[in-house]
């Protein structure tokens, strides 16, 4: 019988597709608007997963001009990114943010 892959590996593979990454980030953003502490960290976690899938944190750091270590801290569970940092990350990942 074939061994099953770990969920994280499967998720990262799926998030390599732009449309799936967008849907994933939109779902995380919607969930994060619930307001409780746990849900507020979901969007940053989702952004970190998409960054990993799209070439890794090091690659994203080069695209944004940010330091790799700084970017790891920003996207950590305790990270608290500034608005301009989020915008830079979104642009580097080829994404945009819209409100409806």
Protein backbone atom coordinates (compact mmCIF):
# COMPACT_ATOMS: atom_id res chain seq x y z
CA UNK A 1 0.00 0.00 0.00
CA UNK A 2 1.26 3.48 -0.86
CA UNK A 3 2.29 5.74 1.99
CA UNK A 4 0.15 8.81 2.40
CA UNK A 5 1.79 12.22 2.20
CA UNK A 6 1.63 14.56 5.12
CA UNK A 7 -1.03 17.23 4.86
CA UNK A 8 1.42 20.13 4.88
CA UNK A 9 3.34 18.69 1.93
CA UNK A 10 0.08 18.21 0.04
CA UNK A 11 -1.05 21.76 0.91
CA UNK A 12 2.21 23.31 -0.29
CA UNK A 13 1.95 21.37 -3.55
CA UNK A 14 -1.62 22.60 -4.11
CA UNK A 15 -0.74 26.20 -3.28
CA UNK A 16 1.72 26.29 -6.16
CA UNK A 17 -1.31 26.88 -8.40
CA UNK A 18 -2.21 30.58 -8.40
CA UNK A 19 -6.00 30.10 -8.32
CA UNK A 20 -5.79 27.69 -5.39
CA UNK A 21 -3.48 30.04 -3.50
CA UNK A 22 -5.92 32.92 -4.04
CA UNK A 23 -8.90 30.86 -2.84
CA UNK A 24 -6.92 29.68 0.20
CA UNK A 25 -5.90 33.23 1.14
CA UNK A 26 -9.45 34.52 0.65
CA UNK A 27 -10.82 31.81 2.95
CA UNK A 28 -8.16 32.58 5.57
CA UNK A 29 -8.87 36.32 5.36
CA UNK A 30 -12.61 35.75 5.77
CA UNK A 31 -12.00 33.49 8.77
CA UNK A 32 -9.57 35.98 10.32
CA UNK A 33 -12.27 38.65 10.38
CA UNK A 34 -14.15 36.76 13.12
CA UNK A 35 -12.10 38.75 15.60
CA UNK A 36 -10.91 36.13 18.08
CA UNK A 37 -7.18 35.80 18.69
CA UNK A 38 -6.84 32.38 17.04
CA UNK A 39 -8.60 33.37 13.84
CA UNK A 40 -6.58 36.58 13.56
CA UNK A 41 -3.39 34.59 13.03
CA UNK A 42 -4.88 32.50 10.22
CA UNK A 43 -4.19 34.96 7.43
CA UNK A 44 -0.51 35.32 8.34
CA UNK A 45 -0.19 31.53 8.55
CA UNK A 46 -1.87 31.19 5.17
CA UNK A 47 0.42 33.84 3.69
CA UNK A 48 3.46 31.98 5.05
CA UNK A 49 2.20 28.74 3.44
CA UNK A 50 1.66 30.46 0.08
CA UNK A 51 5.13 32.03 0.30
CA UNK A 52 6.61 28.59 0.94
CA UNK A 53 4.72 27.14 -2.01
CA UNK A 54 5.72 29.96 -4.34
CA UNK A 55 9.45 29.52 -3.99
CA UNK A 56 10.15 29.89 -0.29
CA UNK A 57 10.78 32.67 2.17
CA UNK A 58 14.30 33.31 0.84
CA UNK A 59 12.98 33.88 -2.67
CA UNK A 60 10.24 36.15 -1.37
CA UNK A 61 12.79 38.11 0.66
CA UNK A 62 14.79 38.77 -2.52
CA UNK A 63 11.68 39.94 -4.39
CA UNK A 64 10.63 42.32 -1.63
CA UNK A 65 14.08 43.53 -0.63
CA UNK A 66 13.43 42.45 2.95
CA UNK A 67 15.87 40.45 5.02
CA UNK A 68 15.13 36.73 5.14
CA UNK A 69 15.28 36.63 8.95
CA UNK A 70 13.01 39.64 9.20
CA UNK A 71 10.51 38.00 6.87
CA UNK A 72 10.55 34.78 8.91
CA UNK A 73 9.76 36.82 12.03
CA UNK A 74 7.05 38.78 10.24
CA UNK A 75 5.30 35.61 9.10
CA UNK A 76 5.73 33.75 12.39
CA UNK A 77 2.85 33.09 14.79
CA UNK A 78 3.98 36.05 16.87
CA UNK A 79 4.54 38.24 13.82
CA UNK A 80 2.67 41.51 13.51
CA UNK A 81 3.33 42.81 10.00
CA UNK A 82 2.83 46.42 9.09
CA UNK A 83 0.44 47.28 6.27
CA UNK A 84 3.21 48.22 3.81
CA UNK A 85 4.91 44.87 4.53
CA UNK A 86 1.71 42.98 3.67
CA UNK A 87 1.31 45.00 0.48
CA UNK A 88 4.93 44.28 -0.52
CA UNK A 89 4.44 40.56 0.11
CA UNK A 90 1.20 40.46 -1.87
CA UNK A 91 2.77 42.24 -4.84
CA UNK A 92 5.81 39.95 -4.77
CA UNK A 93 3.52 36.92 -4.82
CA UNK A 94 1.56 38.35 -7.77
CA UNK A 95 -1.56 38.91 -5.66
CA UNK A 96 -3.79 41.86 -4.93
CA UNK A 97 -6.28 42.62 -2.19
CA UNK A 98 -9.86 43.64 -2.92
CA UNK A 99 -12.82 44.39 -0.71
CA UNK A 100 -16.37 43.51 -1.61
